[in-house]
Amino acid sequence: IDFDLILEKVKDLNVLAGEGISQIEHTPRGAQLRQPGPLPLTLYQNGIVMFDGPFRPYEDPSAQQCLRDITDGYFPSELQLRYPDGI
């Protein structure tokens, strides 16, 4: 696993997702600025954990797909169900 490449690609994706840019959130009293919350991804020597999900070893096909998406410069396709309108 090329951890340096993964970290570089995650930084690139963070920029695309608007890291550091506030968004307008409508409230009952008007609106306020808020920062988007992080999407936790933990890389271990032998696998990954995304959000509070299960540990997935690198041999697991879903972990391989997730990392392939990231190294190809895309947000992991598994996030489409959780974020149907995008990140």
N, C-alpha and C. Protein backbone atom coordinates (compact mmCIF):
# COMPACT_ATOMS: atom_id res chain seq x y z
N ILE A 1 0.86 -1.18 0.00
CA ILE A 1 0.00 0.00 0.00
C ILE A 1 0.90 1.23 0.00
N ASP A 2 0.67 2.14 -0.94
CA ASP A 2 1.44 3.38 -1.03
C ASP A 2 0.72 4.46 -0.22
N PHE A 3 1.04 4.52 1.07
CA PHE A 3 0.37 5.46 1.97
C PHE A 3 0.60 6.91 1.57
N ASP A 4 1.79 7.22 1.06
CA ASP A 4 2.08 8.59 0.63
C ASP A 4 1.16 9.01 -0.51
N LEU A 5 0.94 8.12 -1.47
CA LEU A 5 0.05 8.41 -2.59
C LEU A 5 -1.39 8.60 -2.09
N ILE A 6 -1.83 7.73 -1.20
CA ILE A 6 -3.19 7.84 -0.67
C ILE A 6 -3.37 9.17 0.05
N LEU A 7 -2.41 9.55 0.89
CA LEU A 7 -2.51 10.81 1.62
C LEU A 7 -2.50 12.01 0.67
N GLU A 8 -1.69 11.95 -0.37
CA GLU A 8 -1.66 13.03 -1.36
C GLU A 8 -3.01 13.15 -2.06
N LYS A 9 -3.59 12.03 -2.44
CA LYS A 9 -4.88 12.05 -3.14
C LYS A 9 -6.00 12.50 -2.21
N VAL A 10 -5.94 12.12 -0.93
CA VAL A 10 -6.95 12.57 0.03
C VAL A 10 -6.88 14.09 0.18
N LYS A 11 -5.67 14.64 0.23
CA LYS A 11 -5.52 16.10 0.30
C LYS A 11 -6.13 16.77 -0.92
N ASP A 12 -5.89 16.20 -2.11
CA ASP A 12 -6.48 16.74 -3.33
C ASP A 12 -8.00 16.70 -3.29
N LEU A 13 -8.55 15.58 -2.81
CA LEU A 13 -10.01 15.45 -2.72
C LEU A 13 -10.58 16.42 -1.69
N ASN A 14 -9.85 16.67 -0.61
CA ASN A 14 -10.31 17.63 0.39
C ASN A 14 -10.44 19.02 -0.23
N VAL A 15 -9.49 19.39 -1.07
CA VAL A 15 -9.56 20.69 -1.75
C VAL A 15 -10.78 20.73 -2.66
N LEU A 16 -11.02 19.66 -3.40
CA LEU A 16 -12.19 19.60 -4.28
C LEU A 16 -13.50 19.69 -3.50
N ALA A 17 -13.50 19.12 -2.30
CA ALA A 17 -14.72 19.13 -1.48
C ALA A 17 -14.94 20.46 -0.78
N GLY A 18 -13.99 21.39 -0.92
CA GLY A 18 -14.17 22.71 -0.32
C GLY A 18 -13.61 22.83 1.07
N GLU A 19 -12.52 22.16 1.34
CA GLU A 19 -11.90 22.23 2.67
C GLU A 19 -11.63 23.68 3.04
N GLY A 20 -12.07 24.06 4.23
CA GLY A 20 -11.84 25.41 4.72
C GLY A 20 -12.84 26.44 4.24
N ILE A 21 -13.78 26.04 3.41
CA ILE A 21 -14.79 26.95 2.89
C ILE A 21 -16.09 26.73 3.64
N SER A 22 -16.65 27.79 4.19
CA SER A 22 -17.90 27.69 4.93
C SER A 22 -19.07 27.60 3.96
N GLN A 23 -20.12 26.95 4.41
CA GLN A 23 -21.35 26.83 3.63
C GLN A 23 -22.47 27.48 4.41
N ILE A 24 -23.49 27.93 3.70
CA ILE A 24 -24.65 28.54 4.34
C ILE A 24 -25.60 27.43 4.77
N GLU A 25 -25.97 27.45 6.03
CA GLU A 25 -26.94 26.49 6.56
C GLU A 25 -28.17 27.28 7.00
N HIS A 26 -29.31 26.94 6.43
CA HIS A 26 -30.55 27.63 6.76
C HIS A 26 -31.09 27.10 8.10
N THR A 27 -31.49 28.02 8.95
CA THR A 27 -32.03 27.70 10.26
C THR A 27 -33.42 28.32 10.40
N PRO A 28 -34.18 27.93 11.41
CA PRO A 28 -35.51 28.52 11.60
C PRO A 28 -35.45 30.05 11.77
N ARG A 29 -34.36 30.56 12.28
CA ARG A 29 -34.22 32.01 12.50
C ARG A 29 -33.50 32.73 11.36
N GLY A 30 -33.10 32.04 10.35
CA GLY A 30 -32.38 32.67 9.25
C GLY A 30 -31.36 31.72 8.66
N ALA A 31 -30.09 32.10 8.79
CA ALA A 31 -29.02 31.27 8.25
C ALA A 31 -27.75 31.50 9.04
N GLN A 32 -26.83 30.56 8.92
CA GLN A 32 -25.53 30.70 9.57
C GLN A 32 -24.49 29.99 8.71
N LEU A 33 -23.25 30.36 8.90
CA LEU A 33 -22.16 29.70 8.20
C LEU A 33 -21.70 28.50 9.00
N ARG A 34 -21.37 27.43 8.30
CA ARG A 34 -20.84 26.25 8.97
C ARG A 34 -19.81 25.60 8.07
N GLN A 35 -18.88 24.93 8.71
CA GLN A 35 -17.85 24.17 8.00
C GLN A 35 -18.37 22.74 7.82
N PRO A 36 -18.17 22.15 6.65
CA PRO A 36 -18.57 20.75 6.49
C PRO A 36 -17.79 19.86 7.44
N GLY A 37 -18.45 18.85 7.94
CA GLY A 37 -17.80 17.92 8.86
C GLY A 37 -16.85 16.99 8.14
N PRO A 38 -15.87 16.46 8.84
CA PRO A 38 -14.91 15.55 8.22
C PRO A 38 -15.52 14.17 7.96
N LEU A 39 -14.94 13.48 7.02
CA LEU A 39 -15.29 12.10 6.74
C LEU A 39 -14.13 11.24 7.24
N PRO A 40 -14.27 10.63 8.40
CA PRO A 40 -13.14 9.90 8.98
C PRO A 40 -12.74 8.67 8.18
N LEU A 41 -11.47 8.62 7.84
CA LEU A 41 -10.87 7.47 7.18
C LEU A 41 -9.58 7.17 7.94
N THR A 42 -9.51 6.00 8.53
CA THR A 42 -8.32 5.60 9.28
C THR A 42 -7.60 4.51 8.53
N LEU A 43 -6.32 4.75 8.26
CA LEU A 43 -5.48 3.77 7.57
C LEU A 43 -4.61 3.05 8.59
N TYR A 44 -4.67 1.75 8.56
CA TYR A 44 -3.84 0.92 9.42
C TYR A 44 -2.84 0.17 8.55
N GLN A 45 -1.91 -0.47 9.18
CA GLN A 45 -0.92 -1.24 8.46
C GLN A 45 -1.56 -2.36 7.65
N ASN A 46 -2.68 -2.88 8.16
CA ASN A 46 -3.28 -4.04 7.51
C ASN A 46 -4.73 -3.83 7.07
N GLY A 47 -5.24 -2.57 7.10
CA GLY A 47 -6.61 -2.35 6.65
C GLY A 47 -7.08 -0.93 6.90
N ILE A 48 -8.37 -0.69 6.67
CA ILE A 48 -8.95 0.64 6.81
C ILE A 48 -10.25 0.58 7.62
N VAL A 49 -10.61 1.75 8.16
CA VAL A 49 -11.91 1.94 8.78
C VAL A 49 -12.41 3.29 8.28
N MET A 50 -13.64 3.33 7.76
CA MET A 50 -14.25 4.58 7.34
C MET A 50 -15.46 4.83 8.23
N PHE A 51 -15.59 6.07 8.71
CA PHE A 51 -16.62 6.44 9.67
C PHE A 51 -16.46 5.55 10.90
N ASP A 52 -17.55 5.02 11.40
CA ASP A 52 -17.51 4.09 12.53
C ASP A 52 -17.71 2.67 12.03
N GLY A 53 -17.46 2.48 10.75
CA GLY A 53 -17.72 1.20 10.13
C GLY A 53 -16.77 0.11 10.59
N PRO A 54 -16.95 -1.05 10.05
CA PRO A 54 -16.11 -2.18 10.45
C PRO A 54 -14.69 -2.03 9.89
N PHE A 55 -13.76 -2.68 10.55
CA PHE A 55 -12.40 -2.77 10.03
C PHE A 55 -12.43 -3.62 8.77
N ARG A 56 -11.78 -3.14 7.72
CA ARG A 56 -11.73 -3.91 6.47
C ARG A 56 -10.26 -4.12 6.10
N PRO A 57 -9.81 -5.37 6.08
CA PRO A 57 -8.42 -5.62 5.67
C PRO A 57 -8.23 -5.23 4.21
N TYR A 58 -7.00 -4.92 3.84
CA TYR A 58 -6.71 -4.50 2.48
C TYR A 58 -7.05 -5.57 1.45
N GLU A 59 -7.13 -6.81 1.86
CA GLU A 59 -7.50 -7.89 0.93
C GLU A 59 -8.99 -7.88 0.62
N ASP A 60 -9.79 -7.22 1.44
CA ASP A 60 -11.25 -7.15 1.25
C ASP A 60 -11.54 -6.36 -0.04
N PRO A 61 -12.38 -6.90 -0.92
CA PRO A 61 -12.68 -6.20 -2.18
C PRO A 61 -13.23 -4.78 -1.97
N SER A 62 -14.03 -4.55 -0.93
CA SER A 62 -14.58 -3.21 -0.72
C SER A 62 -13.48 -2.23 -0.30
N ALA A 63 -12.50 -2.69 0.46
CA ALA A 63 -11.37 -1.82 0.83
C ALA A 63 -10.53 -1.52 -0.41
N GLN A 64 -10.31 -2.52 -1.24
CA GLN A 64 -9.55 -2.32 -2.47
C GLN A 64 -10.24 -1.32 -3.39
N GLN A 65 -11.57 -1.42 -3.51
CA GLN A 65 -12.31 -0.49 -4.36
C GLN A 65 -12.23 0.93 -3.81
N CYS A 66 -12.37 1.06 -2.50
CA CYS A 66 -12.30 2.38 -1.86
C CYS A 66 -10.95 3.03 -2.13
N LEU A 67 -9.87 2.31 -1.91
CA LEU A 67 -8.54 2.86 -2.12
C LEU A 67 -8.25 3.10 -3.61
N ARG A 68 -8.78 2.25 -4.47
CA ARG A 68 -8.62 2.45 -5.92
C ARG A 68 -9.31 3.75 -6.34
N ASP A 69 -10.52 3.97 -5.83
CA ASP A 69 -11.23 5.22 -6.14
C ASP A 69 -10.40 6.42 -5.70
N ILE A 70 -9.87 6.37 -4.50
CA ILE A 70 -9.08 7.49 -3.97
C ILE A 70 -7.82 7.71 -4.80
N THR A 71 -7.08 6.64 -5.08
CA THR A 71 -5.83 6.81 -5.84
C THR A 71 -6.09 7.21 -7.28
N ASP A 72 -7.28 6.93 -7.80
CA ASP A 72 -7.65 7.39 -9.14
C ASP A 72 -8.15 8.83 -9.14
N GLY A 73 -8.25 9.43 -7.94
CA GLY A 73 -8.66 10.83 -7.84
C GLY A 73 -10.15 11.04 -7.69
N TYR A 74 -10.87 10.00 -7.29
CA TYR A 74 -12.32 10.08 -7.11
C TYR A 74 -12.69 9.89 -5.65
N PHE A 75 -13.84 10.43 -5.27
CA PHE A 75 -14.37 10.13 -3.96
C PHE A 75 -14.83 8.67 -3.98
N PRO A 76 -14.66 7.94 -2.89
CA PRO A 76 -15.06 6.53 -2.88
C PRO A 76 -16.52 6.35 -3.29
N SER A 77 -16.74 5.44 -4.22
CA SER A 77 -18.08 5.22 -4.74
C SER A 77 -19.05 4.78 -3.64
N GLU A 78 -18.54 4.19 -2.57
CA GLU A 78 -19.41 3.75 -1.48
C GLU A 78 -20.06 4.92 -0.76
N LEU A 79 -19.57 6.13 -0.97
CA LEU A 79 -20.17 7.31 -0.34
C LEU A 79 -21.41 7.81 -1.07
N GLN A 80 -21.69 7.28 -2.25
CA GLN A 80 -22.84 7.75 -3.04
C GLN A 80 -24.16 7.55 -2.31
N LEU A 81 -24.31 6.46 -1.59
CA LEU A 81 -25.57 6.22 -0.87
C LEU A 81 -25.73 7.21 0.29
N ARG A 82 -24.64 7.50 0.98
CA ARG A 82 -24.68 8.40 2.13
C ARG A 82 -24.79 9.86 1.70
N TYR A 83 -24.21 10.19 0.55
CA TYR A 83 -24.20 11.57 0.04
C TYR A 83 -24.67 11.58 -1.41
N PRO A 84 -25.97 11.36 -1.65
CA PRO A 84 -26.46 11.28 -3.03
C PRO A 84 -26.31 12.58 -3.82
N ASP A 85 -26.22 13.72 -3.13
CA ASP A 85 -26.04 15.00 -3.82
C ASP A 85 -24.58 15.41 -3.91
N GLY A 86 -23.67 14.53 -3.51
CA GLY A 86 -22.25 14.82 -3.54
C GLY A 86 -21.74 15.19 -2.16
N ILE A 87 -20.44 15.29 -2.08
CA ILE A 87 -19.78 15.59 -0.80
C ILE A 87 -19.78 17.09 -0.61
